[in-house]
Amino acid sequence: MAENRPEELTFEQALARLEEIVRALESGNVPLEDLIKLYDEGSALVKNCTDKLQKAEEKVKLLQVKDGKITEEDFGNE
C-alpha cells in the first residue's frame, strides 16, 4: 500500500500507483480484504487525479487568432 495520502501525491505518482493497483487486481492473487482496501485506495487516487486535471484545465488558456488579432479563451469553451 502507498504510504502517502492520495492528495499528497503528484499526478504522476498517483497515476503510477493506480497502475500498480490495476496490475494487482488483474493478477487475481489478492485476498478479498486486500482487494477492498486496494479498491478504496484506487477510488481515492482517481478522485485526486480527476481534481488535479480539472484544476490544470481551468488554468490552460487557448490562444486563437481571429480577424488578425490574438484572443485568449478558457480551454474547453467551444
C-alpha atoms as a PDB file:
ATOM      1  CA  MET A   1       0.000   0.000   0.000  1.00  0.00           C
ATOM      2  CA  ALA A   2       1.100   3.549  -0.635  1.00  0.00           C
ATOM      3  CA  GLU A   3       2.391   5.361   2.405  1.00  0.00           C
ATOM      4  CA  ASN A   4       1.258   8.815   1.279  1.00  0.00           C
ATOM      5  CA  ARG A   5      -2.321  10.004   1.257  1.00  0.00           C
ATOM      6  CA  PRO A   6      -3.651  10.420  -2.300  1.00  0.00           C
ATOM      7  CA  GLU A   7      -3.863  14.213  -2.045  1.00  0.00           C
ATOM      8  CA  GLU A   8      -0.155  14.364  -1.109  1.00  0.00           C
ATOM      9  CA  LEU A   9       0.928  12.640  -4.314  1.00  0.00           C
ATOM     10  CA  THR A  10       1.740  14.347  -7.567  1.00  0.00           C
ATOM     11  CA  PHE A  11      -0.435  13.472 -10.536  1.00  0.00           C
ATOM     12  CA  GLU A  12       2.316  11.242 -11.912  1.00  0.00           C
ATOM     13  CA  GLN A  13       2.804   9.430  -8.593  1.00  0.00           C
ATOM     14  CA  ALA A  14      -0.941   8.857  -8.224  1.00  0.00           C
ATOM     15  CA  LEU A  15      -1.184   7.534 -11.773  1.00  0.00           C
ATOM     16  CA  ALA A  16       1.750   5.166 -11.218  1.00  0.00           C
ATOM     17  CA  ARG A  17       0.137   3.877  -8.011  1.00  0.00           C
ATOM     18  CA  LEU A  18      -3.141   3.355  -9.870  1.00  0.00           C
ATOM     19  CA  GLU A  19      -1.288   1.265 -12.440  1.00  0.00           C
ATOM     20  CA  GLU A  20       0.185  -0.854  -9.631  1.00  0.00           C
ATOM     21  CA  ILE A  21      -3.278  -1.369  -8.145  1.00  0.00           C
ATOM     22  CA  VAL A  22      -4.738  -2.386 -11.502  1.00  0.00           C
ATOM     23  CA  ARG A  23      -1.954  -4.936 -12.046  1.00  0.00           C
ATOM     24  CA  ALA A  24      -2.511  -6.371  -8.566  1.00  0.00           C
ATOM     25  CA  LEU A  25      -6.262  -6.621  -9.085  1.00  0.00           C
ATOM     26  CA  GLU A  26      -5.854  -8.171 -12.531  1.00  0.00           C
ATOM     27  CA  SER A  27      -3.492 -10.801 -11.157  1.00  0.00           C
ATOM     28  CA  GLY A  28      -6.342 -12.467  -9.292  1.00  0.00           C
ATOM     29  CA  ASN A  29      -3.999 -13.219  -6.393  1.00  0.00           C
ATOM     30  CA  VAL A  30      -5.352 -10.637  -3.972  1.00  0.00           C
ATOM     31  CA  PRO A  31      -7.325 -11.760  -0.907  1.00  0.00           C
ATOM     32  CA  LEU A  32     -10.782 -10.227  -0.623  1.00  0.00           C
ATOM     33  CA  GLU A  33      -9.925  -7.973   2.333  1.00  0.00           C
ATOM     34  CA  ASP A  34      -6.884  -6.570   0.497  1.00  0.00           C
ATOM     35  CA  LEU A  35      -8.913  -6.251  -2.683  1.00  0.00           C
ATOM     36  CA  ILE A  36     -11.391  -3.976  -0.910  1.00  0.00           C
ATOM     37  CA  LYS A  37      -8.553  -1.854   0.501  1.00  0.00           C
ATOM     38  CA  LEU A  38      -6.959  -1.562  -2.937  1.00  0.00           C
ATOM     39  CA  TYR A  39     -10.293  -0.627  -4.468  1.00  0.00           C
ATOM     40  CA  ASP A  40     -10.812   2.116  -1.876  1.00  0.00           C
ATOM     41  CA  GLU A  41      -7.286   3.422  -2.408  1.00  0.00           C
ATOM     42  CA  GLY A  42      -7.773   3.366  -6.168  1.00  0.00           C
ATOM     43  CA  SER A  43     -11.045   5.280  -5.878  1.00  0.00           C
ATOM     44  CA  ALA A  44      -9.331   7.997  -3.828  1.00  0.00           C
ATOM     45  CA  LEU A  45      -6.498   8.167  -6.357  1.00  0.00           C
ATOM     46  CA  VAL A  46      -8.912   8.514  -9.276  1.00  0.00           C
ATOM     47  CA  LYS A  47     -10.667  11.377  -7.498  1.00  0.00           C
ATOM     48  CA  ASN A  48      -7.318  13.039  -6.808  1.00  0.00           C
ATOM     49  CA  CYS A  49      -6.188  12.710 -10.439  1.00  0.00           C
ATOM     50  CA  THR A  50      -9.529  14.000 -11.724  1.00  0.00           C
ATOM     51  CA  ASP A  51      -9.363  17.008  -9.403  1.00  0.00           C
ATOM     52  CA  LYS A  52      -5.798  17.814 -10.478  1.00  0.00           C
ATOM     53  CA  LEU A  53      -6.703  17.524 -14.175  1.00  0.00           C
ATOM     54  CA  GLN A  54      -9.723  19.765 -13.707  1.00  0.00           C
ATOM     55  CA  LYS A  55      -7.618  22.414 -11.951  1.00  0.00           C
ATOM     56  CA  ALA A  56      -4.995  22.239 -14.697  1.00  0.00           C
ATOM     57  CA  GLU A  57      -7.652  22.549 -17.389  1.00  0.00           C
ATOM     58  CA  GLU A  58      -9.051  25.650 -15.698  1.00  0.00           C
ATOM     59  CA  LYS A  59      -5.611  27.260 -15.882  1.00  0.00           C
ATOM     60  CA  VAL A  60      -4.981  26.479 -19.524  1.00  0.00           C
ATOM     61  CA  LYS A  61      -5.879  29.221 -21.944  1.00  0.00           C
ATOM     62  CA  LEU A  62      -6.409  28.764 -25.646  1.00  0.00           C
ATOM     63  CA  LEU A  63      -4.827  31.414 -27.828  1.00  0.00           C
ATOM     64  CA  GLN A  64      -6.547  31.979 -31.133  1.00  0.00           C
ATOM     65  CA  VAL A  65      -6.074  34.358 -33.993  1.00  0.00           C
ATOM     66  CA  LYS A  66      -9.374  35.987 -35.003  1.00  0.00           C
ATOM     67  CA  ASP A  67      -9.532  38.730 -37.586  1.00  0.00           C
ATOM     68  CA  GLY A  68      -5.781  39.237 -37.291  1.00  0.00           C
ATOM     69  CA  LYS A  69      -5.950  39.683 -33.511  1.00  0.00           C
ATOM     70  CA  ILE A  70      -4.817  37.255 -30.852  1.00  0.00           C
ATOM     71  CA  THR A  71      -7.589  36.368 -28.427  1.00  0.00           C
ATOM     72  CA  GLU A  72      -7.480  34.307 -25.263  1.00  0.00           C
ATOM     73  CA  GLU A  73     -10.229  31.901 -24.245  1.00  0.00           C
ATOM     74  CA  ASP A  74     -10.618  29.385 -21.485  1.00  0.00           C
ATOM     75  CA  PHE A  75      -9.730  25.871 -22.586  1.00  0.00           C
ATOM     76  CA  GLY A  76     -12.826  23.821 -23.338  1.00  0.00           C
ATOM     77  CA  ASN A  77     -15.051  26.711 -24.377  1.00  0.00           C
ATOM     78  CA  GLU A  78     -16.192  25.809 -27.841  1.00  0.00           C
END
